[in-house]
Amino acid sequence: MVKAGRQLENQGFEETVDGLLARAGNGVAVKYVLRFPEDRMVGGKYQMSTHTIYLYIEEIIRQCRLLFGSIDRLKEYMAVITAHELGHSVDSELPGLADRLDKSLTIRERAEIQLRIEENAWKYAVTLLPEIDSDFMRRIIDESLSSYRLRLENEIA
């Protein structure tokens, strides 16, 4: 965690996150972790049971570099990822949608619910960050939702 702490300080992540937490005002906890523990490139995750957001620093840096070719806008990228996770933390539909995912569902039904969960979080993120360049934000949102949308398209075909 020491290395994650240095990266946070160097990039101004904590200040960015603290500002968003103050805006959201819902008492969610945030934990900074160096890497996501599985073999996926996940920048953040909200855990409903503990009302905690986990931010995976190396993945966020890697995502920003892959999507934009550099880390020049890393602070903004971090804000967008955090706002999205905050969107999950305030989503009143999330408990019901998550319960539905525990039921026996078709692949299509599961994909629709997962997409709705993500879209709900992104809608909130957009309202939380009106100052962020809309093209920048749209590119992140589209990339984030692409796998969910593709799953649905494949189910329709």
Protein backbone atom coordinates (compact mmCIF):
# COMPACT_ATOMS: atom_id res chain seq x y z
CA MET A 1 0.00 0.00 0.00
CA VAL A 2 2.99 2.31 0.43
CA LYS A 3 3.60 2.38 -3.32
CA ALA A 4 -0.10 3.12 -3.96
CA GLY A 5 0.13 5.93 -1.40
CA ARG A 6 3.05 7.54 -3.24
CA GLN A 7 1.24 7.32 -6.58
CA LEU A 8 -1.84 8.88 -5.01
CA GLU A 9 0.15 11.81 -3.64
CA ASN A 10 2.08 12.33 -6.86
CA GLN A 11 -1.04 12.49 -9.01
CA GLY A 12 -3.31 14.39 -6.60
CA PHE A 13 -5.76 11.47 -6.56
CA GLU A 14 -6.77 11.83 -2.91
CA GLU A 15 -7.66 15.50 -3.31
CA THR A 16 -9.76 14.69 -6.39
CA VAL A 17 -11.54 11.81 -4.66
CA ASP A 18 -12.12 13.78 -1.45
CA GLY A 19 -13.79 16.56 -3.44
CA LEU A 20 -16.14 14.10 -5.12
CA LEU A 21 -16.95 12.40 -1.83
CA ALA A 22 -17.89 15.77 -0.38
CA ARG A 23 -20.17 16.47 -3.37
CA ALA A 24 -21.86 13.08 -3.11
CA GLY A 25 -22.21 13.31 0.67
CA ASN A 26 -23.44 9.74 1.15
CA GLY A 27 -20.80 8.50 3.59
CA VAL A 28 -19.27 5.88 1.31
CA ALA A 29 -15.78 4.72 2.27
CA VAL A 30 -12.94 4.65 -0.27
CA LYS A 31 -10.00 2.29 -0.24
CA TYR A 32 -7.01 2.65 -2.55
CA VAL A 33 -5.48 -0.57 -3.79
CA LEU A 34 -2.45 -0.90 -6.03
CA ARG A 35 -3.83 -3.62 -8.34
CA PHE A 36 -7.11 -5.38 -9.04
CA PRO A 37 -6.68 -8.94 -7.69
CA GLU A 38 -8.08 -10.74 -10.75
CA ASP A 39 -6.86 -10.89 -14.33
CA ARG A 40 -9.08 -8.05 -15.58
CA MET A 41 -8.44 -4.36 -15.97
CA VAL A 42 -10.89 -2.99 -13.39
CA GLY A 43 -10.31 0.58 -12.27
CA GLY A 44 -12.89 0.69 -9.52
CA LYS A 45 -15.45 -1.41 -7.75
CA TYR A 46 -18.28 -0.66 -5.35
CA GLN A 47 -19.02 -3.22 -2.65
CA MET A 48 -22.61 -2.78 -1.55
CA SER A 49 -22.33 -4.92 1.60
CA THR A 50 -19.70 -2.64 3.14
CA HIS A 51 -20.66 0.60 1.34
CA THR A 52 -17.06 0.86 0.14
CA ILE A 53 -15.48 1.92 -3.14
CA TYR A 54 -12.19 0.28 -4.12
CA LEU A 55 -9.99 2.22 -6.54
CA TYR A 56 -7.26 0.21 -8.28
CA ILE A 57 -4.50 2.70 -8.99
CA GLU A 58 -2.34 0.81 -11.49
CA GLU A 59 -5.41 -0.24 -13.50
CA ILE A 60 -6.69 3.34 -13.61
CA ILE A 61 -3.33 4.54 -14.89
CA ARG A 62 -3.21 1.72 -17.46
CA GLN A 63 -6.78 2.38 -18.64
CA CYS A 64 -6.09 6.08 -19.09
CA ARG A 65 -2.95 5.35 -21.09
CA LEU A 66 -4.72 2.79 -23.31
CA LEU A 67 -7.78 4.93 -23.95
CA PHE A 68 -6.06 8.29 -24.44
CA GLY A 69 -2.49 7.37 -25.37
CA SER A 70 -0.98 9.10 -22.33
CA ILE A 71 -1.64 9.98 -18.72
CA ASP A 72 -1.85 13.71 -19.40
CA ARG A 73 -5.48 13.74 -18.24
CA LEU A 74 -5.08 11.19 -15.48
CA LYS A 75 -6.51 13.41 -12.75
CA GLU A 76 -9.69 13.92 -14.81
CA TYR A 77 -9.81 10.23 -15.65
CA MET A 78 -9.56 9.39 -11.94
CA ALA A 79 -12.43 11.78 -11.24
CA VAL A 80 -14.61 10.10 -13.85
CA ILE A 81 -13.91 6.59 -12.54
CA THR A 82 -14.57 7.70 -8.98
CA ALA A 83 -17.81 9.47 -9.97
CA HIS A 84 -18.97 6.28 -11.68
CA GLU A 85 -18.32 4.21 -8.54
CA LEU A 86 -20.10 6.87 -6.49
CA GLY A 87 -22.99 6.39 -8.90
CA HIS A 88 -23.25 2.78 -7.79
CA SER A 89 -23.12 3.83 -4.15
CA VAL A 90 -26.14 6.16 -4.47
CA ASP A 91 -28.19 3.98 -6.84
CA SER A 92 -31.48 3.16 -5.08
CA GLU A 93 -32.19 0.51 -7.74
CA LEU A 94 -28.93 -1.35 -7.15
CA PRO A 95 -30.05 -3.65 -4.30
CA GLY A 96 -33.08 -4.84 -6.27
CA LEU A 97 -31.11 -5.26 -9.49
CA ALA A 98 -28.37 -7.16 -7.65
CA ASP A 99 -30.99 -9.44 -6.08
CA ARG A 100 -32.41 -10.15 -9.52
CA LEU A 101 -28.93 -11.20 -10.71
CA ASP A 102 -28.97 -13.92 -8.04
CA LYS A 103 -32.04 -15.49 -9.66
CA SER A 104 -32.18 -17.88 -12.58
CA LEU A 105 -32.08 -15.66 -15.66
CA THR A 106 -31.58 -15.97 -19.37
CA ILE A 107 -28.32 -14.64 -20.74
CA ARG A 108 -30.24 -11.73 -22.24
CA GLU A 109 -31.99 -10.87 -18.95
CA ARG A 110 -28.68 -10.94 -17.10
CA ALA A 111 -27.05 -8.71 -19.73
CA GLU A 112 -29.94 -6.23 -19.56
CA ILE A 113 -29.70 -5.97 -15.78
CA GLN A 114 -25.92 -5.58 -15.83
CA LEU A 115 -26.19 -2.85 -18.47
CA ARG A 116 -28.84 -1.03 -16.44
CA ILE A 117 -26.65 -1.12 -13.32
CA GLU A 118 -23.77 0.42 -15.26
CA GLU A 119 -25.93 2.98 -17.06
CA ASN A 120 -27.44 4.10 -13.74
CA ALA A 121 -23.97 4.70 -12.32
CA TRP A 122 -22.86 6.62 -15.41
CA LYS A 123 -25.96 8.86 -15.32
CA TYR A 124 -25.04 9.91 -11.80
CA ALA A 125 -21.38 10.40 -12.73
CA VAL A 126 -22.35 12.84 -15.48
CA THR A 127 -24.40 14.92 -13.02
CA LEU A 128 -21.59 14.87 -10.46
CA LEU A 129 -19.00 16.15 -12.96
CA PRO A 130 -20.64 18.86 -15.08
CA GLU A 131 -17.25 20.57 -15.49
CA ILE A 132 -15.62 17.59 -17.24
CA ASP A 133 -15.30 17.86 -21.02
CA SER A 134 -18.32 15.98 -22.40
CA ASP A 135 -16.36 14.35 -25.27
CA PHE A 136 -13.78 13.07 -22.79
CA MET A 137 -16.49 11.68 -20.54
CA ARG A 138 -18.47 10.19 -23.44
CA ARG A 139 -15.41 8.30 -24.66
CA ILE A 140 -14.89 6.74 -21.23
CA ILE A 141 -18.58 5.87 -20.87
CA ASP A 142 -18.78 4.33 -24.33
CA GLU A 143 -15.68 2.24 -23.70
CA SER A 144 -17.02 1.13 -20.32
CA LEU A 145 -20.43 0.13 -21.69
CA SER A 146 -19.20 -1.45 -24.94
CA SER A 147 -18.86 -4.99 -23.58
CA TYR A 148 -22.33 -4.84 -21.99
CA ARG A 149 -23.88 -3.54 -25.20
CA LEU A 150 -22.04 -6.13 -27.27
CA ARG A 151 -23.41 -8.92 -25.09
CA LEU A 152 -26.94 -7.65 -25.74
CA GLU A 153 -26.34 -7.29 -29.48
CA ASN A 154 -25.06 -10.86 -29.63
CA GLU A 155 -28.19 -12.06 -27.86
CA ILE A 156 -30.43 -10.27 -30.37
CA ALA A 157 -28.60 -11.69 -33.41
